[in-house]
Structure formats: C-alpha cells, structure tokens
Amino acid sequence: CKYIENPVLFERADVGMVKFDIRYIVLLRSVNPLSLYVYNVFW
C-alpha cells in the first residue's frame, strides 16, 4: 500500500509531532437492507 508520506500529525508535549491512527467500532446489523452503526467512542 502507498505509505502515507504526509500524515496529519499530533503534537505530543513529551515527544513532538507524531503519527496517530484512529480505531472505530462499526456494528453491522443487516446486509439486506444494509443497517450499519458506529460506536461513538473511538480509540
């Protein structure tokens, strides 16, 4: 996969500008019809 060479960075006071990623939980209740939820908390 193309590596993200220009990521949005986060400034950690103890380190500096670092990479970060985000994890969301999605809930698939049905395929037909499509019924999809996302958990409001992300990690």
PDB file of all heavy atoms in Angstrom:
ATOM      1  N   CYS A   1       0.851  -1.194   0.000  1.00  0.00           N
ATOM      2  CA  CYS A   1       0.000   0.000   0.000  1.00  0.00           C
ATOM      3  C   CYS A   1       0.882   1.237   0.000  1.00  0.00           C
ATOM      4  O   CYS A   1       1.954   1.251   0.621  1.00  0.00           O
ATOM      5  CB  CYS A   1      -0.907   0.036   1.238  1.00  0.00           C
ATOM      6  SG  CYS A   1      -1.835  -1.477   1.536  1.00  0.00           S
ATOM      7  N   LYS A   2       0.404   2.270  -0.662  1.00  0.00           N
ATOM      8  CA  LYS A   2       1.154   3.530  -0.637  1.00  0.00           C
ATOM      9  C   LYS A   2       1.231   4.032   0.795  1.00  0.00           C
ATOM     10  O   LYS A   2       0.223   4.197   1.483  1.00  0.00           O
ATOM     11  CB  LYS A   2       0.449   4.576  -1.517  1.00  0.00           C
ATOM     12  CG  LYS A   2       1.180   5.912  -1.569  1.00  0.00           C
ATOM     13  CD  LYS A   2       2.549   5.772  -2.215  1.00  0.00           C
ATOM     14  CE  LYS A   2       3.348   7.052  -2.109  1.00  0.00           C
ATOM     15  NZ  LYS A   2       3.799   7.349  -0.737  1.00  0.00           N
ATOM     16  N   TYR A   3       2.452   4.229   1.259  1.00  0.00           N
ATOM     17  CA  TYR A   3       2.658   4.730   2.618  1.00  0.00           C
ATOM     18  C   TYR A   3       2.265   6.197   2.667  1.00  0.00           C
ATOM     19  O   TYR A   3       2.567   6.964   1.739  1.00  0.00           O
ATOM     20  CB  TYR A   3       4.123   4.562   3.012  1.00  0.00           C
ATOM     21  CG  TYR A   3       4.430   4.894   4.450  1.00  0.00           C
ATOM     22  CD1 TYR A   3       3.773   4.251   5.494  1.00  0.00           C
ATOM     23  CD2 TYR A   3       5.382   5.853   4.770  1.00  0.00           C
ATOM     24  CE1 TYR A   3       4.063   4.546   6.809  1.00  0.00           C
ATOM     25  CE2 TYR A   3       5.696   6.154   6.084  1.00  0.00           C
ATOM     26  CZ  TYR A   3       5.027   5.495   7.103  1.00  0.00           C
ATOM     27  OH  TYR A   3       5.315   5.800   8.413  1.00  0.00           O
ATOM     28  N   ILE A   4       1.588   6.579   3.713  1.00  0.00           N
ATOM     29  CA  ILE A   4       1.120   7.966   3.843  1.00  0.00           C
ATOM     30  C   ILE A   4       2.314   8.831   4.242  1.00  0.00           C
ATOM     31  O   ILE A   4       2.736   8.848   5.400  1.00  0.00           O
ATOM     32  CB  ILE A   4      -0.021   8.057   4.871  1.00  0.00           C
ATOM     33  CG1 ILE A   4      -1.179   7.145   4.443  1.00  0.00           C
ATOM     34  CG2 ILE A   4      -0.494   9.506   5.022  1.00  0.00           C
ATOM     35  CD1 ILE A   4      -2.277   7.018   5.480  1.00  0.00           C
ATOM     36  N   GLU A   5       2.850   9.528   3.245  1.00  0.00           N
ATOM     37  CA  GLU A   5       4.063  10.312   3.496  1.00  0.00           C
ATOM     38  C   GLU A   5       3.767  11.683   4.087  1.00  0.00           C
ATOM     39  O   GLU A   5       4.671  12.361   4.579  1.00  0.00           O
ATOM     40  CB  GLU A   5       4.868  10.466   2.187  1.00  0.00           C
ATOM     41  CG  GLU A   5       4.328  11.505   1.213  1.00  0.00           C
ATOM     42  CD  GLU A   5       3.215  10.990   0.321  1.00  0.00           C
ATOM     43  OE1 GLU A   5       2.708   9.877   0.581  1.00  0.00           O
ATOM     44  OE2 GLU A   5       2.847  11.704  -0.634  1.00  0.00           O
ATOM     45  N   ASN A   6       2.490  12.092   4.034  1.00  0.00           N
ATOM     46  CA  ASN A   6       2.117  13.404   4.573  1.00  0.00           C
ATOM     47  C   ASN A   6       0.951  13.263   5.548  1.00  0.00           C
ATOM     48  O   ASN A   6      -0.118  13.835   5.351  1.00  0.00           O
ATOM     49  CB  ASN A   6       1.747  14.359   3.436  1.00  0.00           C
ATOM     50  CG  ASN A   6       0.695  13.753   2.510  1.00  0.00           C
ATOM     51  OD1 ASN A   6       0.386  12.566   2.583  1.00  0.00           O
ATOM     52  ND2 ASN A   6       0.128  14.580   1.644  1.00  0.00           N
ATOM     53  N   PRO A   7       1.135  12.484   6.610  1.00  0.00           N
ATOM     54  CA  PRO A   7       0.033  12.265   7.546  1.00  0.00           C
ATOM     55  C   PRO A   7      -0.269  13.510   8.369  1.00  0.00           C
ATOM     56  O   PRO A   7       0.613  14.359   8.605  1.00  0.00           O
ATOM     57  CB  PRO A   7       0.562  11.141   8.444  1.00  0.00           C
ATOM     58  CG  PRO A   7       2.044  11.338   8.439  1.00  0.00           C
ATOM     59  CD  PRO A   7       2.371  11.796   7.039  1.00  0.00           C
ATOM     60  N   VAL A   8      -1.511  13.627   8.788  1.00  0.00           N
ATOM     61  CA  VAL A   8      -1.855  14.625   9.798  1.00  0.00           C
ATOM     62  C   VAL A   8      -1.220  14.162  11.101  1.00  0.00           C
ATOM     63  O   VAL A   8      -1.429  13.024  11.532  1.00  0.00           O
ATOM     64  CB  VAL A   8      -3.381  14.761   9.952  1.00  0.00           C
ATOM     65  CG1 VAL A   8      -3.721  15.721  11.086  1.00  0.00           C
ATOM     66  CG2 VAL A   8      -4.000  15.229   8.635  1.00  0.00           C
ATOM     67  N   LEU A   9      -0.438  15.015  11.711  1.00  0.00           N
ATOM     68  CA  LEU A   9       0.308  14.645  12.910  1.00  0.00           C
ATOM     69  C   LEU A   9      -0.347  15.226  14.159  1.00  0.00           C
ATOM     70  O   LEU A   9      -1.163  16.144  14.080  1.00  0.00           O
ATOM     71  CB  LEU A   9       1.759  15.123  12.809  1.00  0.00           C
ATOM     72  CG  LEU A   9       2.552  14.594  11.599  1.00  0.00           C
ATOM     73  CD1 LEU A   9       3.943  15.220  11.568  1.00  0.00           C
ATOM     74  CD2 LEU A   9       2.645  13.079  11.626  1.00  0.00           C
ATOM     75  N   PHE A  10       0.044  14.673  15.291  1.00  0.00           N
ATOM     76  CA  PHE A  10      -0.463  15.139  16.581  1.00  0.00           C
ATOM     77  C   PHE A  10       0.735  15.534  17.429  1.00  0.00           C
ATOM     78  O   PHE A  10       1.726  14.797  17.513  1.00  0.00           O
ATOM     79  CB  PHE A  10      -1.262  14.033  17.266  1.00  0.00           C
ATOM     80  CG  PHE A  10      -1.852  14.428  18.593  1.00  0.00           C
ATOM     81  CD1 PHE A  10      -3.058  15.113  18.651  1.00  0.00           C
ATOM     82  CD2 PHE A  10      -1.208  14.111  19.775  1.00  0.00           C
ATOM     83  CE1 PHE A  10      -3.610  15.476  19.872  1.00  0.00           C
ATOM     84  CE2 PHE A  10      -1.747  14.478  21.004  1.00  0.00           C
ATOM     85  CZ  PHE A  10      -2.951  15.155  21.044  1.00  0.00           C
ATOM     86  N   GLU A  11       0.626  16.693  18.048  1.00  0.00           N
ATOM     87  CA  GLU A  11       1.747  17.164  18.865  1.00  0.00           C
ATOM     88  C   GLU A  11       1.649  16.601  20.275  1.00  0.00           C
ATOM     89  O   GLU A  11       0.730  16.924  21.034  1.00  0.00           O
ATOM     90  CB  GLU A  11       1.778  18.687  18.925  1.00  0.00           C
ATOM     91  CG  GLU A  11       2.994  19.219  19.678  1.00  0.00           C
ATOM     92  CD  GLU A  11       3.123  20.725  19.626  1.00  0.00           C
ATOM     93  OE1 GLU A  11       2.203  21.381  19.088  1.00  0.00           O
ATOM     94  OE2 GLU A  11       4.143  21.242  20.121  1.00  0.00           O
ATOM     95  N   ARG A  12       2.588  15.722  20.590  1.00  0.00           N
ATOM     96  CA  ARG A  12       2.717  15.207  21.951  1.00  0.00           C
ATOM     97  C   ARG A  12       3.693  16.091  22.703  1.00  0.00           C
ATOM     98  O   ARG A  12       4.836  16.278  22.263  1.00  0.00           O
ATOM     99  CB  ARG A  12       3.224  13.769  21.934  1.00  0.00           C
ATOM    100  CG  ARG A  12       2.197  12.745  21.534  1.00  0.00           C
ATOM    101  CD  ARG A  12       2.756  11.328  21.554  1.00  0.00           C
ATOM    102  NE  ARG A  12       3.372  10.969  22.831  1.00  0.00           N
ATOM    103  CZ  ARG A  12       3.811   9.751  23.143  1.00  0.00           C
ATOM    104  NH1 ARG A  12       3.706   8.771  22.247  1.00  0.00           N
ATOM    105  NH2 ARG A  12       4.358   9.507  24.314  1.00  0.00           N
ATOM    106  N   ALA A  13       3.252  16.604  23.821  1.00  0.00           N
ATOM    107  CA  ALA A  13       4.093  17.524  24.573  1.00  0.00           C
ATOM    108  C   ALA A  13       5.410  16.877  24.983  1.00  0.00           C
ATOM    109  O   ALA A  13       6.445  17.545  25.092  1.00  0.00           O
ATOM    110  CB  ALA A  13       3.338  18.017  25.810  1.00  0.00           C
ATOM    111  N   ASP A  14       5.392  15.557  25.198  1.00  0.00           N
ATOM    112  CA  ASP A  14       6.580  14.860  25.671  1.00  0.00           C
ATOM    113  C   ASP A  14       7.493  14.384  24.542  1.00  0.00           C
ATOM    114  O   ASP A  14       8.619  13.963  24.793  1.00  0.00           O
ATOM    115  CB  ASP A  14       6.172  13.650  26.522  1.00  0.00           C
ATOM    116  CG  ASP A  14       5.229  12.702  25.781  1.00  0.00           C
ATOM    117  OD1 ASP A  14       4.533  13.158  24.859  1.00  0.00           O
ATOM    118  OD2 ASP A  14       5.203  11.507  26.137  1.00  0.00           O
ATOM    119  N   VAL A  15       7.013  14.462  23.287  1.00  0.00           N
ATOM    120  CA  VAL A  15       7.777  13.886  22.179  1.00  0.00           C
ATOM    121  C   VAL A  15       7.938  14.869  21.025  1.00  0.00           C
ATOM    122  O   VAL A  15       9.031  15.116  20.531  1.00  0.00           O
ATOM    123  CB  VAL A  15       7.107  12.592  21.665  1.00  0.00           C
ATOM    124  CG1 VAL A  15       7.854  12.066  20.435  1.00  0.00           C
ATOM    125  CG2 VAL A  15       7.073  11.533  22.754  1.00  0.00           C
ATOM    126  N   GLY A  16       6.811  15.421  20.570  1.00  0.00           N
ATOM    127  CA  GLY A  16       6.809  16.254  19.374  1.00  0.00           C
ATOM    128  C   GLY A  16       5.690  15.832  18.449  1.00  0.00           C
ATOM    129  O   GLY A  16       4.686  15.257  18.877  1.00  0.00           O
ATOM    130  N   MET A  17       5.864  16.059  17.148  1.00  0.00           N
ATOM    131  CA  MET A  17       4.828  15.768  16.163  1.00  0.00           C
ATOM    132  C   MET A  17       4.915  14.298  15.748  1.00  0.00           C
ATOM    133  O   MET A  17       5.892  13.877  15.123  1.00  0.00           O
ATOM    134  CB  MET A  17       4.988  16.670  14.947  1.00  0.00           C
ATOM    135  CG  MET A  17       4.938  18.157  15.273  1.00  0.00           C
ATOM    136  SD  MET A  17       3.355  18.666  16.006  1.00  0.00           S
ATOM    137  CE  MET A  17       2.275  18.554  14.571  1.00  0.00           C
ATOM    138  N   VAL A  18       3.881  13.538  16.086  1.00  0.00           N
ATOM    139  CA  VAL A  18       3.920  12.096  15.865  1.00  0.00           C
ATOM    140  C   VAL A  18       2.736  11.646  15.012  1.00  0.00           C
ATOM    141  O   VAL A  18       1.704  12.315  14.913  1.00  0.00           O
ATOM    142  CB  VAL A  18       3.900  11.323  17.201  1.00  0.00           C
ATOM    143  CG1 VAL A  18       5.093  11.690  18.058  1.00  0.00           C
ATOM    144  CG2 VAL A  18       2.591  11.562  17.958  1.00  0.00           C
ATOM    145  N   LYS A  19       2.892  10.475  14.419  1.00  0.00           N
ATOM    146  CA  LYS A  19       1.786   9.824  13.729  1.00  0.00           C
ATOM    147  C   LYS A  19       0.757   9.343  14.745  1.00  0.00           C
ATOM    148  O   LYS A  19       1.104   9.030  15.891  1.00  0.00           O
ATOM    149  CB  LYS A  19       2.286   8.616  12.940  1.00  0.00           C
ATOM    150  CG  LYS A  19       3.036   8.935  11.679  1.00  0.00           C
ATOM    151  CD  LYS A  19       3.516   7.666  11.001  1.00  0.00           C
ATOM    152  CE  LYS A  19       2.381   6.727  10.642  1.00  0.00           C
ATOM    153  NZ  LYS A  19       2.842   5.548   9.887  1.00  0.00           N
ATOM    154  N   PHE A  20      -0.485   9.249  14.291  1.00  0.00           N
ATOM    155  CA  PHE A  20      -1.510   8.614  15.113  1.00  0.00           C
ATOM    156  C   PHE A  20      -2.511   7.953  14.192  1.00  0.00           C
ATOM    157  O   PHE A  20      -2.655   8.321  13.024  1.00  0.00           O
ATOM    158  CB  PHE A  20      -2.205   9.628  16.029  1.00  0.00           C
ATOM    159  CG  PHE A  20      -3.072  10.629  15.312  1.00  0.00           C
ATOM    160  CD1 PHE A  20      -4.444  10.427  15.177  1.00  0.00           C
ATOM    161  CD2 PHE A  20      -2.526  11.795  14.772  1.00  0.00           C
ATOM    162  CE1 PHE A  20      -5.251  11.346  14.519  1.00  0.00           C
ATOM    163  CE2 PHE A  20      -3.321  12.718  14.119  1.00  0.00           C
ATOM    164  CZ  PHE A  20      -4.686  12.499  13.988  1.00  0.00           C
ATOM    165  N   ASP A  21      -3.168   6.927  14.702  1.00  0.00           N
ATOM    166  CA  ASP A  21      -4.277   6.353  13.968  1.00  0.00           C
ATOM    167  C   ASP A  21      -5.493   6.257  14.877  1.00  0.00           C
ATOM    168  O   ASP A  21      -5.400   6.454  16.094  1.00  0.00           O
ATOM    169  CB  ASP A  21      -3.924   5.014  13.308  1.00  0.00           C
ATOM    170  CG  ASP A  21      -3.709   3.878  14.298  1.00  0.00           C
ATOM    171  OD1 ASP A  21      -4.017   4.024  15.487  1.00  0.00           O
ATOM    172  OD2 ASP A  21      -3.235   2.812  13.873  1.00  0.00           O
ATOM    173  N   ILE A  22      -6.618   6.008  14.266  1.00  0.00           N
ATOM    174  CA  ILE A  22      -7.907   6.051  14.953  1.00  0.00           C
ATOM    175  C   ILE A  22      -8.617   4.729  14.704  1.00  0.00           C
ATOM    176  O   ILE A  22      -8.605   4.220  13.575  1.00  0.00           O
ATOM    177  CB  ILE A  22      -8.782   7.210  14.429  1.00  0.00           C
ATOM    178  CG1 ILE A  22      -7.981   8.516  14.387  1.00  0.00           C
ATOM    179  CG2 ILE A  22     -10.039   7.377  15.272  1.00  0.00           C
ATOM    180  CD1 ILE A  22      -8.601   9.586  13.507  1.00  0.00           C
ATOM    181  N   ARG A  23      -9.207   4.180  15.747  1.00  0.00           N
ATOM    182  CA  ARG A  23      -9.986   2.948  15.607  1.00  0.00           C
ATOM    183  C   ARG A  23     -11.439   3.233  15.966  1.00  0.00           C
ATOM    184  O   ARG A  23     -11.742   3.719  17.055  1.00  0.00           O
ATOM    185  CB  ARG A  23      -9.428   1.834  16.492  1.00  0.00           C
ATOM    186  CG  ARG A  23     -10.360   0.633  16.632  1.00  0.00           C
ATOM    187  CD  ARG A  23      -9.691  -0.577  17.222  1.00  0.00           C
ATOM    188  NE  ARG A  23      -8.772  -1.190  16.268  1.00  0.00           N
ATOM    189  CZ  ARG A  23      -8.226  -2.404  16.430  1.00  0.00           C
ATOM    190  NH1 ARG A  23      -8.511  -3.122  17.506  1.00  0.00           N
ATOM    191  NH2 ARG A  23      -7.412  -2.887  15.523  1.00  0.00           N
ATOM    192  N   TYR A  24     -12.325   2.912  15.027  1.00  0.00           N
ATOM    193  CA  TYR A  24     -13.762   2.974  15.264  1.00  0.00           C
ATOM    194  C   TYR A  24     -14.327   1.556  15.262  1.00  0.00           C
ATOM    195  O   TYR A  24     -13.830   0.676  14.537  1.00  0.00           O
ATOM    196  CB  TYR A  24     -14.460   3.770  14.153  1.00  0.00           C
ATOM    197  CG  TYR A  24     -14.386   5.265  14.293  1.00  0.00           C
ATOM    198  CD1 TYR A  24     -13.344   5.981  13.716  1.00  0.00           C
ATOM    199  CD2 TYR A  24     -15.367   5.971  14.993  1.00  0.00           C
ATOM    200  CE1 TYR A  24     -13.277   7.363  13.820  1.00  0.00           C
ATOM    201  CE2 TYR A  24     -15.307   7.348  15.102  1.00  0.00           C
ATOM    202  CZ  TYR A  24     -14.267   8.039  14.520  1.00  0.00           C
ATOM    203  OH  TYR A  24     -14.206   9.410  14.637  1.00  0.00           O
ATOM    204  N   ILE A  25     -15.351   1.351  16.051  1.00  0.00           N
ATOM    205  CA  ILE A  25     -16.107   0.103  16.036  1.00  0.00           C
ATOM    206  C   ILE A  25     -17.381   0.337  15.231  1.00  0.00           C
ATOM    207  O   ILE A  25     -18.140   1.259  15.522  1.00  0.00           O
ATOM    208  CB  ILE A  25     -16.473  -0.352  17.462  1.00  0.00           C
ATOM    209  CG1 ILE A  25     -15.206  -0.614  18.287  1.00  0.00           C
ATOM    210  CG2 ILE A  25     -17.359  -1.596  17.419  1.00  0.00           C
ATOM    211  CD1 ILE A  25     -14.365  -1.760  17.807  1.00  0.00           C
ATOM    212  N   VAL A  26     -17.566  -0.473  14.180  1.00  0.00           N
ATOM    213  CA  VAL A  26     -18.800  -0.391  13.404  1.00  0.00           C
ATOM    214  C   VAL A  26     -19.614  -1.651  13.652  1.00  0.00           C
ATOM    215  O   VAL A  26     -19.063  -2.751  13.791  1.00  0.00           O
ATOM    216  CB  VAL A  26     -18.534  -0.203  11.897  1.00  0.00           C
ATOM    217  CG1 VAL A  26     -17.891   1.136  11.626  1.00  0.00           C
ATOM    218  CG2 VAL A  26     -17.676  -1.324  11.338  1.00  0.00           C
ATOM    219  N   LEU A  27     -20.926  -1.484  13.724  1.00  0.00           N
ATOM    220  CA  LEU A  27     -21.846  -2.570  14.043  1.00  0.00           C
ATOM    221  C   LEU A  27     -22.707  -2.847  12.817  1.00  0.00           C
ATOM    222  O   LEU A  27     -23.469  -1.975  12.380  1.00  0.00           O
ATOM    223  CB  LEU A  27     -22.729  -2.203  15.236  1.00  0.00           C
ATOM    224  CG  LEU A  27     -22.012  -1.576  16.452  1.00  0.00           C
ATOM    225  CD1 LEU A  27     -23.029  -1.155  17.504  1.00  0.00           C
ATOM    226  CD2 LEU A  27     -21.007  -2.547  17.032  1.00  0.00           C
ATOM    227  N   LEU A  28     -22.576  -4.036  12.262  1.00  0.00           N
ATOM    228  CA  LEU A  28     -23.342  -4.417  11.081  1.00  0.00           C
ATOM    229  C   LEU A  28     -24.518  -5.281  11.532  1.00  0.00           C
ATOM    230  O   LEU A  28     -24.340  -6.425  11.936  1.00  0.00           O
ATOM    231  CB  LEU A  28     -22.464  -5.186  10.094  1.00  0.00           C
ATOM    232  CG  LEU A  28     -23.120  -5.633   8.785  1.00  0.00           C
ATOM    233  CD1 LEU A  28     -23.648  -4.442   8.000  1.00  0.00           C
ATOM    234  CD2 LEU A  28     -22.143  -6.450   7.950  1.00  0.00           C
ATOM    235  N   ARG A  29     -25.718  -4.688  11.452  1.00  0.00           N
ATOM    236  CA  ARG A  29     -26.900  -5.418  11.912  1.00  0.00           C
ATOM    237  C   ARG A  29     -27.563  -6.180  10.783  1.00  0.00           C
ATOM    238  O   ARG A  29     -28.180  -7.230  11.014  1.00  0.00           O
ATOM    239  CB  ARG A  29     -27.904  -4.451  12.551  1.00  0.00           C
ATOM    240  CG  ARG A  29     -28.965  -5.209  13.343  1.00  0.00           C
ATOM    241  CD  ARG A  29     -29.921  -4.306  14.080  1.00  0.00           C
ATOM    242  NE  ARG A  29     -30.731  -5.135  14.950  1.00  0.00           N
ATOM    243  CZ  ARG A  29     -31.752  -5.893  14.538  1.00  0.00           C
ATOM    244  NH1 ARG A  29     -32.080  -5.898  13.257  1.00  0.00           N
ATOM    245  NH2 ARG A  29     -32.432  -6.638  15.388  1.00  0.00           N
ATOM    246  N   SER A  30     -27.453  -5.702   9.568  1.00  0.00           N
ATOM    247  CA  SER A  30     -28.114  -6.359   8.445  1.00  0.00           C
ATOM    248  C   SER A  30     -27.407  -5.990   7.150  1.00  0.00           C
ATOM    249  O   SER A  30     -26.881  -4.876   7.015  1.00  0.00           O
ATOM    250  CB  SER A  30     -29.590  -5.931   8.375  1.00  0.00           C
ATOM    251  OG  SER A  30     -30.200  -6.365   7.184  1.00  0.00           O
ATOM    252  N   VAL A  31     -27.416  -6.941   6.211  1.00  0.00           N
ATOM    253  CA  VAL A  31     -26.858  -6.712   4.886  1.00  0.00           C
ATOM    254  C   VAL A  31     -27.937  -6.287   3.901  1.00  0.00           C
ATOM    255  O   VAL A  31     -27.733  -5.414   3.066  1.00  0.00           O
ATOM    256  CB  VAL A  31     -26.123  -7.981   4.401  1.00  0.00           C
ATOM    257  CG1 VAL A  31     -25.925  -7.968   2.891  1.00  0.00           C
ATOM    258  CG2 VAL A  31     -24.775  -8.109   5.105  1.00  0.00           C
ATOM    259  N   ASN A  32     -29.091  -6.905   3.980  1.00  0.00           N
ATOM    260  CA  ASN A  32     -30.194  -6.604   3.064  1.00  0.00           C
ATOM    261  C   ASN A  32     -31.491  -6.451   3.850  1.00  0.00           C
ATOM    262  O   ASN A  32     -32.118  -7.444   4.203  1.00  0.00           O
ATOM    263  CB  ASN A  32     -30.330  -7.711   2.028  1.00  0.00           C
ATOM    264  CG  ASN A  32     -31.357  -7.400   0.959  1.00  0.00           C
ATOM    265  OD1 ASN A  32     -31.704  -6.242   0.755  1.00  0.00           O
ATOM    266  ND2 ASN A  32     -31.848  -8.432   0.272  1.00  0.00           N
ATOM    267  N   PRO A  33     -31.895  -5.199   4.153  1.00  0.00           N
ATOM    268  CA  PRO A  33     -31.244  -3.940   3.775  1.00  0.00           C
ATOM    269  C   PRO A  33     -30.021  -3.665   4.650  1.00  0.00           C
ATOM    270  O   PRO A  33     -29.912  -4.186   5.759  1.00  0.00           O
ATOM    271  CB  PRO A  33     -32.333  -2.896   4.031  1.00  0.00           C
ATOM    272  CG  PRO A  33     -33.111  -3.476   5.172  1.00  0.00           C
ATOM    273  CD  PRO A  33     -33.140  -4.962   4.939  1.00  0.00           C
ATOM    274  N   LEU A  34     -29.106  -2.849   4.123  1.00  0.00           N
ATOM    275  CA  LEU A  34     -27.911  -2.503   4.875  1.00  0.00           C
ATOM    276  C   LEU A  34     -28.290  -1.682   6.099  1.00  0.00           C
ATOM    277  O   LEU A  34     -28.959  -0.650   5.991  1.00  0.00           O
ATOM    278  CB  LEU A  34     -26.936  -1.713   3.995  1.00  0.00           C
ATOM    279  CG  LEU A  34     -25.621  -1.267   4.662  1.00  0.00           C
ATOM    280  CD1 LEU A  34     -24.820  -2.470   5.145  1.00  0.00           C
ATOM    281  CD2 LEU A  34     -24.780  -0.430   3.693  1.00  0.00           C
ATOM    282  N   SER A  35     -27.859  -2.147   7.265  1.00  0.00           N
ATOM    283  CA  SER A  35     -28.088  -1.446   8.525  1.00  0.00           C
ATOM    284  C   SER A  35     -26.768  -1.394   9.265  1.00  0.00           C
ATOM    285  O   SER A  35     -26.249  -2.429   9.713  1.00  0.00           O
ATOM    286  CB  SER A  35     -29.148  -2.169   9.364  1.00  0.00           C
ATOM    287  OG  SER A  35     -29.337  -1.515  10.612  1.00  0.00           O
ATOM    288  N   LEU A  36     -26.183  -0.209   9.360  1.00  0.00           N
ATOM    289  CA  LEU A  36     -24.822  -0.037   9.865  1.00  0.00           C
ATOM    290  C   LEU A  36     -24.783   1.073  10.905  1.00  0.00           C
ATOM    291  O   LEU A  36     -25.325   2.161  10.691  1.00  0.00           O
ATOM    292  CB  LEU A  36     -23.884   0.310   8.699  1.00  0.00           C
ATOM    293  CG  LEU A  36     -22.392   0.408   9.001  1.00  0.00           C
ATOM    294  CD1 LEU A  36     -21.814  -0.957   9.351  1.00  0.00           C
ATOM    295  CD2 LEU A  36     -21.645   1.004   7.799  1.00  0.00           C
ATOM    296  N   TYR A  37     -24.158   0.784  12.042  1.00  0.00           N
ATOM    297  CA  TYR A  37     -23.996   1.748  13.124  1.00  0.00           C
ATOM    298  C   TYR A  37     -22.503   1.927  13.407  1.00  0.00           C
ATOM    299  O   TYR A  37     -21.680   1.077  13.059  1.00  0.00           O
ATOM    300  CB  TYR A  37     -24.665   1.256  14.406  1.00  0.00           C
ATOM    301  CG  TYR A  37     -26.169   1.140  14.353  1.00  0.00           C
ATOM    302  CD1 TYR A  37     -26.785   0.047  13.737  1.00  0.00           C
ATOM    303  CD2 TYR A  37     -26.992   2.107  14.939  1.00  0.00           C
ATOM    304  CE1 TYR A  37     -28.165  -0.067  13.690  1.00  0.00           C
ATOM    305  CE2 TYR A  37     -28.378   1.993  14.902  1.00  0.00           C
ATOM    306  CZ  TYR A  37     -28.961   0.910  14.273  1.00  0.00           C
ATOM    307  OH  TYR A  37     -30.329   0.801  14.235  1.00  0.00           O
ATOM    308  N   VAL A  38     -22.178   3.017  14.066  1.00  0.00           N
ATOM    309  CA  VAL A  38     -20.818   3.225  14.543  1.00  0.00           C
ATOM    310  C   VAL A  38     -20.881   3.572  16.023  1.00  0.00           C
ATOM    311  O   VAL A  38     -21.787   4.287  16.477  1.00  0.00           O
ATOM    312  CB  VAL A  38     -20.097   4.341  13.744  1.00  0.00           C
ATOM    313  CG1 VAL A  38     -20.784   5.686  13.927  1.00  0.00           C
ATOM    314  CG2 VAL A  38     -18.625   4.446  14.154  1.00  0.00           C
ATOM    315  N   TYR A  39     -19.973   3.009  16.797  1.00  0.00           N
ATOM    316  CA  TYR A  39     -19.875   3.322  18.225  1.00  0.00           C
ATOM    317  C   TYR A  39     -19.276   4.718  18.365  1.00  0.00           C
ATOM    318  O   TYR A  39     -18.280   5.047  17.704  1.00  0.00           O
ATOM    319  CB  TYR A  39     -18.990   2.280  18.914  1.00  0.00           C
ATOM    320  CG  TYR A  39     -19.150   2.209  20.409  1.00  0.00           C
ATOM    321  CD1 TYR A  39     -20.328   1.733  20.985  1.00  0.00           C
ATOM    322  CD2 TYR A  39     -18.118   2.603  21.259  1.00  0.00           C
ATOM    323  CE1 TYR A  39     -20.475   1.654  22.357  1.00  0.00           C
ATOM    324  CE2 TYR A  39     -18.245   2.520  22.639  1.00  0.00           C
ATOM    325  CZ  TYR A  39     -19.436   2.051  23.182  1.00  0.00           C
ATOM    326  OH  TYR A  39     -19.582   1.977  24.552  1.00  0.00           O
ATOM    327  N   ASN A  40     -19.876   5.554  19.175  1.00  0.00           N
ATOM    328  CA  ASN A  40     -19.481   6.963  19.235  1.00  0.00           C
ATOM    329  C   ASN A  40     -18.097   7.171  19.839  1.00  0.00           C
ATOM    330  O   ASN A  40     -17.451   8.189  19.581  1.00  0.00           O
ATOM    331  CB  ASN A  40     -20.513   7.763  20.029  1.00  0.00           C
ATOM    332  CG  ASN A  40     -21.846   7.856  19.311  1.00  0.00           C
ATOM    333  OD1 ASN A  40     -21.922   7.640  18.097  1.00  0.00           O
ATOM    334  ND2 ASN A  40     -22.905   8.154  20.042  1.00  0.00           N
ATOM    335  N   VAL A  41     -17.669   6.250  20.671  1.00  0.00           N
ATOM    336  CA  VAL A  41     -16.330   6.348  21.247  1.00  0.00           C
ATOM    337  C   VAL A  41     -15.335   5.787  20.241  1.00  0.00           C
ATOM    338  O   VAL A  41     -15.569   4.741  19.640  1.00  0.00           O
ATOM    339  CB  VAL A  41     -16.249   5.558  22.568  1.00  0.00           C
ATOM    340  CG1 VAL A  41     -14.830   5.577  23.123  1.00  0.00           C
ATOM    341  CG2 VAL A  41     -17.236   6.126  23.588  1.00  0.00           C
ATOM    342  N   PHE A  42     -14.233   6.488  20.039  1.00  0.00           N
ATOM    343  CA  PHE A  42     -13.170   5.959  19.189  1.00  0.00           C
ATOM    344  C   PHE A  42     -11.881   5.908  19.992  1.00  0.00           C
ATOM    345  O   PHE A  42     -11.758   6.551  21.045  1.00  0.00           O
ATOM    346  CB  PHE A  42     -13.000   6.792  17.911  1.00  0.00           C
ATOM    347  CG  PHE A  42     -12.744   8.254  18.144  1.00  0.00           C
ATOM    348  CD1 PHE A  42     -11.459   8.735  18.348  1.00  0.00           C
ATOM    349  CD2 PHE A  42     -13.798   9.174  18.150  1.00  0.00           C
ATOM    350  CE1 PHE A  42     -11.218  10.092  18.551  1.00  0.00           C
ATOM    351  CE2 PHE A  42     -13.575  10.525  18.351  1.00  0.00           C
ATOM    352  CZ  PHE A  42     -12.283  10.987  18.557  1.00  0.00           C
ATOM    353  N   TRP A  43     -10.948   5.126  19.508  1.00  0.00           N
ATOM    354  CA  TRP A  43      -9.702   4.906  20.240  1.00  0.00           C
ATOM    355  C   TRP A  43      -8.524   5.379  19.407  1.00  0.00           C
ATOM    356  O   TRP A  43      -8.526   5.298  18.177  1.00  0.00           O
ATOM    357  CB  TRP A  43      -9.548   3.424  20.588  1.00  0.00           C
ATOM    358  CG  TRP A  43     -10.522   3.029  21.649  1.00  0.00           C
ATOM    359  CD1 TRP A  43     -10.323   3.038  23.008  1.00  0.00           C
ATOM    360  CD2 TRP A  43     -11.880   2.615  21.454  1.00  0.00           C
ATOM    361  NE1 TRP A  43     -11.467   2.649  23.648  1.00  0.00           N
ATOM    362  CE2 TRP A  43     -12.445   2.379  22.738  1.00  0.00           C
ATOM    363  CE3 TRP A  43     -12.679   2.416  20.334  1.00  0.00           C
ATOM    364  CZ2 TRP A  43     -13.748   1.958  22.916  1.00  0.00           C
ATOM    365  CZ3 TRP A  43     -13.984   2.000  20.505  1.00  0.00           C
ATOM    366  CH2 TRP A  43     -14.511   1.775  21.789  1.00  0.00           C
TER     367      TRP A  43
END
